Amino acid sequence: PVTAVVPTDQGRLSITNQRVAFAGSRKSFSVAWPKVLAAETYSDGVHLAFQSRSKSALLKYADTTYGEILTALLTHYLQ
């Protein structure tokens, strides 16, 4: 068997002081910060793990311009 990451949707990632949300045309989610267990940031994306969900979210940036800002926000809210 072969395992691969397959894109399922394109959309917009939003981060507020209360939650992290992704809005796509096929898939969307919104999770309050206390339910975000971990975030692993990469140069071209982020992997989010959630409490009470069997699936995590692997998000790849279409534009890496704001990747460092996203990393700073995730670090701040997950402290």
PDB file of N, CA and C in Angstrom:
ATOM      1  N   PRO A   1       0.824  -1.200   0.000  1.00  0.00           N
ATOM      2  CA  PRO A   1       0.000   0.000   0.000  1.00  0.00           C
ATOM      3  C   PRO A   1       0.867   1.263   0.000  1.00  0.00           C
ATOM      4  N   VAL A   2       0.359   2.289  -0.628  1.00  0.00           N
ATOM      5  CA  VAL A   2       1.052   3.568  -0.717  1.00  0.00           C
ATOM      6  C   VAL A   2       0.206   4.623  -0.028  1.00  0.00           C
ATOM      7  N   THR A   3       0.841   5.463   0.771  1.00  0.00           N
ATOM      8  CA  THR A   3       0.153   6.555   1.441  1.00  0.00           C
ATOM      9  C   THR A   3       0.629   7.864   0.843  1.00  0.00           C
ATOM     10  N   ALA A   4      -0.320   8.755   0.568  1.00  0.00           N
ATOM     11  CA  ALA A   4       0.026  10.047  -0.011  1.00  0.00           C
ATOM     12  C   ALA A   4      -0.931  11.112   0.496  1.00  0.00           C
ATOM     13  N   VAL A   5      -0.466  12.346   0.500  1.00  0.00           N
ATOM     14  CA  VAL A   5      -1.313  13.477   0.841  1.00  0.00           C
ATOM     15  C   VAL A   5      -1.976  13.945  -0.445  1.00  0.00           C
ATOM     16  N   VAL A   6      -3.303  14.000  -0.424  1.00  0.00           N
ATOM     17  CA  VAL A   6      -4.070  14.375  -1.609  1.00  0.00           C
ATOM     18  C   VAL A   6      -4.876  15.630  -1.278  1.00  0.00           C
ATOM     19  N   PRO A   7      -4.728  16.683  -2.079  1.00  0.00           N
ATOM     20  CA  PRO A   7      -5.512  17.897  -1.811  1.00  0.00           C
ATOM     21  C   PRO A   7      -7.011  17.616  -1.942  1.00  0.00           C
ATOM     22  N   THR A   8      -7.791  18.109  -0.975  1.00  0.00           N
ATOM     23  CA  THR A   8      -9.235  17.912  -1.028  1.00  0.00           C
ATOM     24  C   THR A   8      -9.992  19.209  -1.262  1.00  0.00           C
ATOM     25  N   ASP A   9      -9.362  20.342  -1.012  1.00  0.00           N
ATOM     26  CA  ASP A   9     -10.070  21.599  -1.154  1.00  0.00           C
ATOM     27  C   ASP A   9      -9.097  22.767  -1.136  1.00  0.00           C
ATOM     28  N   GLN A  10      -9.572  23.896  -1.590  1.00  0.00           N
ATOM     29  CA  GLN A  10      -8.862  25.163  -1.464  1.00  0.00           C
ATOM     30  C   GLN A  10      -9.775  26.097  -0.701  1.00  0.00           C
ATOM     31  N   GLY A  11      -9.195  26.987   0.100  1.00  0.00           N
ATOM     32  CA  GLY A  11     -10.040  27.890   0.866  1.00  0.00           C
ATOM     33  C   GLY A  11      -9.231  28.902   1.632  1.00  0.00           C
ATOM     34  N   ARG A  12      -9.860  29.455   2.644  1.00  0.00           N
ATOM     35  CA  ARG A  12      -9.257  30.518   3.437  1.00  0.00           C
ATOM     36  C   ARG A  12      -9.160  30.085   4.892  1.00  0.00           C
ATOM     37  N   LEU A  13      -7.964  30.237   5.462  1.00  0.00           N
ATOM     38  CA  LEU A  13      -7.731  29.957   6.876  1.00  0.00           C
ATOM     39  C   LEU A  13      -7.854  31.261   7.636  1.00  0.00           C
ATOM     40  N   SER A  14      -8.660  31.243   8.699  1.00  0.00           N
ATOM     41  CA  SER A  14      -8.848  32.435   9.535  1.00  0.00           C
ATOM     42  C   SER A  14      -8.492  32.096  10.975  1.00  0.00           C
ATOM     43  N   ILE A  15      -7.796  33.020  11.618  1.00  0.00           N
ATOM     44  CA  ILE A  15      -7.426  32.847  13.023  1.00  0.00           C
ATOM     45  C   ILE A  15      -7.897  34.082  13.779  1.00  0.00           C
ATOM     46  N   THR A  16      -8.666  33.847  14.856  1.00  0.00           N
ATOM     47  CA  THR A  16      -9.089  34.938  15.727  1.00  0.00           C
ATOM     48  C   THR A  16      -8.612  34.616  17.135  1.00  0.00           C
ATOM     49  N   ASN A  17      -8.918  35.477  18.080  1.00  0.00           N
ATOM     50  CA  ASN A  17      -8.528  35.191  19.456  1.00  0.00           C
ATOM     51  C   ASN A  17      -9.402  34.111  20.080  1.00  0.00           C
ATOM     52  N   GLN A  18     -10.457  33.677  19.390  1.00  0.00           N
ATOM     53  CA  GLN A  18     -11.345  32.649  19.925  1.00  0.00           C
ATOM     54  C   GLN A  18     -11.262  31.307  19.211  1.00  0.00           C
ATOM     55  N   ARG A  19     -10.878  31.335  17.927  1.00  0.00           N
ATOM     56  CA  ARG A  19     -10.914  30.083  17.180  1.00  0.00           C
ATOM     57  C   ARG A  19     -10.031  30.111  15.939  1.00  0.00           C
ATOM     58  N   VAL A  20      -9.860  28.927  15.359  1.00  0.00           N
ATOM     59  CA  VAL A  20      -9.203  28.776  14.065  1.00  0.00           C
ATOM     60  C   VAL A  20     -10.248  28.149  13.142  1.00  0.00           C
ATOM     61  N   ALA A  21     -10.349  28.679  11.933  1.00  0.00           N
ATOM     62  CA  ALA A  21     -11.384  28.206  11.021  1.00  0.00           C
ATOM     63  C   ALA A  21     -10.827  28.105   9.605  1.00  0.00           C
ATOM     64  N   PHE A  22     -11.346  27.141   8.866  1.00  0.00           N
ATOM     65  CA  PHE A  22     -11.021  26.993   7.462  1.00  0.00           C
ATOM     66  C   PHE A  22     -12.334  26.943   6.704  1.00  0.00           C
ATOM     67  N   ALA A  23     -12.440  27.751   5.666  1.00  0.00           N
ATOM     68  CA  ALA A  23     -13.643  27.760   4.840  1.00  0.00           C
ATOM     69  C   ALA A  23     -13.250  27.424   3.410  1.00  0.00           C
ATOM     70  N   GLY A  24     -13.700  26.280   2.945  1.00  0.00           N
ATOM     71  CA  GLY A  24     -13.450  25.844   1.579  1.00  0.00           C
ATOM     72  C   GLY A  24     -14.765  25.566   0.885  1.00  0.00           C
ATOM     73  N   SER A  25     -14.709  25.288  -0.392  1.00  0.00           N
ATOM     74  CA  SER A  25     -15.946  25.018  -1.124  1.00  0.00           C
ATOM     75  C   SER A  25     -16.503  23.624  -0.834  1.00  0.00           C
ATOM     76  N   ARG A  26     -15.640  22.676  -0.458  1.00  0.00           N
ATOM     77  CA  ARG A  26     -16.089  21.310  -0.157  1.00  0.00           C
ATOM     78  C   ARG A  26     -15.935  20.939   1.304  1.00  0.00           C
ATOM     79  N   LYS A  27     -14.926  21.472   1.971  1.00  0.00           N
ATOM     80  CA  LYS A  27     -14.654  21.142   3.370  1.00  0.00           C
ATOM     81  C   LYS A  27     -14.476  22.428   4.151  1.00  0.00           C
ATOM     82  N   SER A  28     -14.998  22.440   5.365  1.00  0.00           N
ATOM     83  CA  SER A  28     -14.835  23.585   6.251  1.00  0.00           C
ATOM     84  C   SER A  28     -14.767  23.087   7.684  1.00  0.00           C
ATOM     85  N   PHE A  29     -14.119  23.837   8.558  1.00  0.00           N
ATOM     86  CA  PHE A  29     -14.136  23.527   9.983  1.00  0.00           C
ATOM     87  C   PHE A  29     -13.919  24.803  10.781  1.00  0.00           C
ATOM     88  N   SER A  30     -14.358  24.764  12.013  1.00  0.00           N
ATOM     89  CA  SER A  30     -14.164  25.849  12.955  1.00  0.00           C
ATOM     90  C   SER A  30     -13.954  25.210  14.321  1.00  0.00           C
ATOM     91  N   VAL A  31     -12.838  25.543  14.968  1.00  0.00           N
ATOM     92  CA  VAL A  31     -12.497  24.913  16.240  1.00  0.00           C
ATOM     93  C   VAL A  31     -12.063  25.991  17.227  1.00  0.00           C
ATOM     94  N   ALA A  32     -12.651  25.972  18.422  1.00  0.00           N
ATOM     95  CA  ALA A  32     -12.259  26.903  19.484  1.00  0.00           C
ATOM     96  C   ALA A  32     -10.854  26.537  19.975  1.00  0.00           C
ATOM     97  N   TRP A  33     -10.092  27.534  20.388  1.00  0.00           N
ATOM     98  CA  TRP A  33      -8.697  27.305  20.796  1.00  0.00           C
ATOM     99  C   TRP A  33      -8.515  26.216  21.842  1.00  0.00           C
ATOM    100  N   PRO A  34      -9.383  26.106  22.857  1.00  0.00           N
ATOM    101  CA  PRO A  34      -9.163  25.030  23.836  1.00  0.00           C
ATOM    102  C   PRO A  34      -9.201  23.629  23.230  1.00  0.00           C
ATOM    103  N   LYS A  35      -9.804  23.483  22.049  1.00  0.00           N
ATOM    104  CA  LYS A  35      -9.888  22.168  21.400  1.00  0.00           C
ATOM    105  C   LYS A  35      -8.790  21.927  20.374  1.00  0.00           C
ATOM    106  N   VAL A  36      -7.901  22.906  20.193  1.00  0.00           N
ATOM    107  CA  VAL A  36      -6.746  22.715  19.311  1.00  0.00           C
ATOM    108  C   VAL A  36      -5.622  22.160  20.181  1.00  0.00           C
ATOM    109  N   LEU A  37      -5.234  20.928  19.917  1.00  0.00           N
ATOM    110  CA  LEU A  37      -4.221  20.269  20.745  1.00  0.00           C
ATOM    111  C   LEU A  37      -2.806  20.659  20.361  1.00  0.00           C
ATOM    112  N   ALA A  38      -2.547  20.768  19.066  1.00  0.00           N
ATOM    113  CA  ALA A  38      -1.185  21.032  18.613  1.00  0.00           C
ATOM    114  C   ALA A  38      -1.191  21.594  17.207  1.00  0.00           C
ATOM    115  N   ALA A  39      -0.124  22.309  16.918  1.00  0.00           N
ATOM    116  CA  ALA A  39       0.091  22.822  15.570  1.00  0.00           C
ATOM    117  C   ALA A  39       1.559  22.648  15.237  1.00  0.00           C
ATOM    118  N   GLU A  40       1.817  22.022  14.121  1.00  0.00           N
ATOM    119  CA  GLU A  40       3.191  21.872  13.640  1.00  0.00           C
ATOM    120  C   GLU A  40       3.297  22.684  12.356  1.00  0.00           C
ATOM    121  N   THR A  41       4.158  23.678  12.382  1.00  0.00           N
ATOM    122  CA  THR A  41       4.266  24.553  11.223  1.00  0.00           C
ATOM    123  C   THR A  41       5.428  24.132  10.335  1.00  0.00           C
ATOM    124  N   TYR A  42       5.242  24.344   9.055  1.00  0.00           N
ATOM    125  CA  TYR A  42       6.240  24.050   8.029  1.00  0.00           C
ATOM    126  C   TYR A  42       6.441  25.309   7.195  1.00  0.00           C
ATOM    127  N   SER A  43       7.431  25.318   6.346  1.00  0.00           N
ATOM    128  CA  SER A  43       7.665  26.491   5.512  1.00  0.00           C
ATOM    129  C   SER A  43       6.527  26.709   4.512  1.00  0.00           C
ATOM    130  N   ASP A  44       5.799  25.639   4.178  1.00  0.00           N
ATOM    131  CA  ASP A  44       4.736  25.775   3.181  1.00  0.00           C
ATOM    132  C   ASP A  44       3.353  25.357   3.690  1.00  0.00           C
ATOM    133  N   GLY A  45       3.199  25.228   5.026  1.00  0.00           N
ATOM    134  CA  GLY A  45       1.900  24.841   5.541  1.00  0.00           C
ATOM    135  C   GLY A  45       1.891  24.613   7.036  1.00  0.00           C
ATOM    136  N   VAL A  46       0.805  24.041   7.512  1.00  0.00           N
ATOM    137  CA  VAL A  46       0.633  23.776   8.938  1.00  0.00           C
ATOM    138  C   VAL A  46      -0.202  22.509   9.117  1.00  0.00           C
ATOM    139  N   HIS A  47       0.110  21.770  10.172  1.00  0.00           N
ATOM    140  CA  HIS A  47      -0.645  20.575  10.539  1.00  0.00           C
ATOM    141  C   HIS A  47      -1.301  20.859  11.882  1.00  0.00           C
ATOM    142  N   LEU A  48      -2.622  20.748  11.954  1.00  0.00           N
ATOM    143  CA  LEU A  48      -3.367  21.017  13.179  1.00  0.00           C
ATOM    144  C   LEU A  48      -3.996  19.742  13.704  1.00  0.00           C
ATOM    145  N   ALA A  49      -3.869  19.505  15.008  1.00  0.00           N
ATOM    146  CA  ALA A  49      -4.499  18.360  15.665  1.00  0.00           C
ATOM    147  C   ALA A  49      -5.559  18.890  16.623  1.00  0.00           C
ATOM    148  N   PHE A  50      -6.725  18.216  16.633  1.00  0.00           N
ATOM    149  CA  PHE A  50      -7.859  18.687  17.422  1.00  0.00           C
ATOM    150  C   PHE A  50      -8.299  17.660  18.443  1.00  0.00           C
ATOM    151  N   GLN A  51      -8.820  18.133  19.555  1.00  0.00           N
ATOM    152  CA  GLN A  51      -9.398  17.279  20.582  1.00  0.00           C
ATOM    153  C   GLN A  51     -10.723  16.731  20.059  1.00  0.00           C
ATOM    154  N   SER A  52     -11.015  15.500  20.373  1.00  0.00           N
ATOM    155  CA  SER A  52     -12.287  14.855  20.031  1.00  0.00           C
ATOM    156  C   SER A  52     -12.525  14.719  18.530  1.00  0.00           C
ATOM    157  N   ARG A  53     -11.485  14.736  17.737  1.00  0.00           N
ATOM    158  CA  ARG A  53     -11.638  14.496  16.299  1.00  0.00           C
ATOM    159  C   ARG A  53     -10.618  13.451  15.886  1.00  0.00           C
ATOM    160  N   SER A  54     -11.072  12.510  15.101  1.00  0.00           N
ATOM    161  CA  SER A  54     -10.154  11.462  14.671  1.00  0.00           C
ATOM    162  C   SER A  54      -9.223  11.957  13.564  1.00  0.00           C
ATOM    163  N   LYS A  55      -9.656  12.974  12.814  1.00  0.00           N
ATOM    164  CA  LYS A  55      -8.827  13.495  11.733  1.00  0.00           C
ATOM    165  C   LYS A  55      -8.226  14.841  12.115  1.00  0.00           C
ATOM    166  N   SER A  56      -7.016  15.030  11.677  1.00  0.00           N
ATOM    167  CA  SER A  56      -6.369  16.321  11.850  1.00  0.00           C
ATOM    168  C   SER A  56      -6.443  17.053  10.512  1.00  0.00           C
ATOM    169  N   ALA A  57      -5.913  18.269  10.484  1.00  0.00           N
ATOM    170  CA  ALA A  57      -5.952  19.057   9.250  1.00  0.00           C
ATOM    171  C   ALA A  57      -4.527  19.380   8.816  1.00  0.00           C
ATOM    172  N   LEU A  58      -4.204  19.045   7.596  1.00  0.00           N
ATOM    173  CA  LEU A  58      -2.922  19.403   6.997  1.00  0.00           C
ATOM    174  C   LEU A  58      -3.224  20.439   5.930  1.00  0.00           C
ATOM    175  N   LEU A  59      -2.772  21.663   6.167  1.00  0.00           N
ATOM    176  CA  LEU A  59      -3.080  22.779   5.279  1.00  0.00           C
ATOM    177  C   LEU A  59      -1.807  23.261   4.603  1.00  0.00           C
ATOM    178  N   LYS A  60      -1.849  23.356   3.295  1.00  0.00           N
ATOM    179  CA  LYS A  60      -0.708  23.846   2.521  1.00  0.00           C
ATOM    180  C   LYS A  60      -1.028  25.250   2.049  1.00  0.00           C
ATOM    181  N   TYR A  61      -0.080  26.163   2.225  1.00  0.00           N
ATOM    182  CA  TYR A  61      -0.286  27.551   1.823  1.00  0.00           C
ATOM    183  C   TYR A  61      -0.202  27.688   0.309  1.00  0.00           C
ATOM    184  N   ALA A  62      -1.140  28.433  -0.254  1.00  0.00           N
ATOM    185  CA  ALA A  62      -1.057  28.786  -1.670  1.00  0.00           C
ATOM    186  C   ALA A  62      -0.008  29.882  -1.859  1.00  0.00           C
ATOM    187  N   ASP A  63       0.164  30.700  -0.809  1.00  0.00           N
ATOM    188  CA  ASP A  63       1.125  31.797  -0.816  1.00  0.00           C
ATOM    189  C   ASP A  63       1.816  31.787   0.543  1.00  0.00           C
ATOM    190  N   THR A  64       3.115  31.627   0.575  1.00  0.00           N
ATOM    191  CA  THR A  64       3.853  31.507   1.839  1.00  0.00           C
ATOM    192  C   THR A  64       4.234  32.857   2.442  1.00  0.00           C
ATOM    193  N   THR A  65       3.757  33.951   1.876  1.00  0.00           N
ATOM    194  CA  THR A  65       4.115  35.290   2.342  1.00  0.00           C
ATOM    195  C   THR A  65       3.866  35.473   3.832  1.00  0.00           C
ATOM    196  N   TYR A  66       2.750  34.954   4.329  1.00  0.00           N
ATOM    197  CA  TYR A  66       2.379  35.186   5.720  1.00  0.00           C
ATOM    198  C   TYR A  66       2.621  33.980   6.623  1.00  0.00           C
ATOM    199  N   GLY A  67       3.433  33.054   6.184  1.00  0.00           N
ATOM    200  CA  GLY A  67       3.714  31.855   6.970  1.00  0.00           C
ATOM    201  C   GLY A  67       4.316  32.148   8.329  1.00  0.00           C
ATOM    202  N   GLU A  68       5.233  33.097   8.411  1.00  0.00           N
ATOM    203  CA  GLU A  68       5.858  33.439   9.702  1.00  0.00           C
ATOM    204  C   GLU A  68       4.849  34.082  10.648  1.00  0.00           C
ATOM    205  N   ILE A  69       3.939  34.869  10.107  1.00  0.00           N
ATOM    206  CA  ILE A  69       2.915  35.487  10.946  1.00  0.00           C
ATOM    207  C   ILE A  69       1.973  34.417  11.484  1.00  0.00           C
ATOM    208  N   LEU A  70       1.590  33.473  10.651  1.00  0.00           N
ATOM    209  CA  LEU A  70       0.737  32.376  11.095  1.00  0.00           C
ATOM    210  C   LEU A  70       1.428  31.571  12.191  1.00  0.00           C
ATOM    211  N   THR A  71       2.702  31.287  12.022  1.00  0.00           N
ATOM    212  CA  THR A  71       3.457  30.562  13.044  1.00  0.00           C
ATOM    213  C   THR A  71       3.445  31.326  14.365  1.00  0.00           C
ATOM    214  N   ALA A  72       3.646  32.625  14.323  1.00  0.00           N
ATOM    215  CA  ALA A  72       3.632  33.450  15.543  1.00  0.00           C
ATOM    216  C   ALA A  72       2.266  33.421  16.212  1.00  0.00           C
ATOM    217  N   LEU A  73       1.187  33.511  15.432  1.00  0.00           N
ATOM    218  CA  LEU A  73      -0.160  33.469  15.996  1.00  0.00           C
ATOM    219  C   LEU A  73      -0.454  32.122  16.632  1.00  0.00           C
ATOM    220  N   LEU A  74      -0.114  31.050  15.955  1.00  0.00           N
ATOM    221  CA  LEU A  74      -0.354  29.720  16.510  1.00  0.00           C
ATOM    222  C   LEU A  74       0.446  29.507  17.800  1.00  0.00           C
ATOM    223  N   THR A  75       1.674  29.949  17.815  1.00  0.00           N
ATOM    224  CA  THR A  75       2.507  29.831  19.016  1.00  0.00           C
ATOM    225  C   THR A  75       1.882  30.612  20.161  1.00  0.00           C
ATOM    226  N   HIS A  76       1.419  31.807  19.878  1.00  0.00           N
ATOM    227  CA  HIS A  76       0.807  32.657  20.911  1.00  0.00           C
ATOM    228  C   HIS A  76      -0.447  32.003  21.505  1.00  0.00           C
ATOM    229  N   TYR A  77      -1.346  31.537  20.659  1.00  0.00           N
ATOM    230  CA  TYR A  77      -2.618  31.014  21.150  1.00  0.00           C
ATOM    231  C   TYR A  77      -2.519  29.607  21.731  1.00  0.00           C
ATOM    232  N   LEU A  78      -1.463  28.887  21.413  1.00  0.00           N
ATOM    233  CA  LEU A  78      -1.334  27.528  21.968  1.00  0.00           C
ATOM    234  C   LEU A  78      -0.443  27.471  23.208  1.00  0.00           C
ATOM    235  N   GLN A  79      -0.050  28.601  23.718  1.00  0.00           N
ATOM    236  CA  GLN A  79       0.780  28.607  24.947  1.00  0.00           C
ATOM    237  C   GLN A  79      -0.050  28.287  26.150  1.00  0.00           C
TER     238      GLN A  79
END
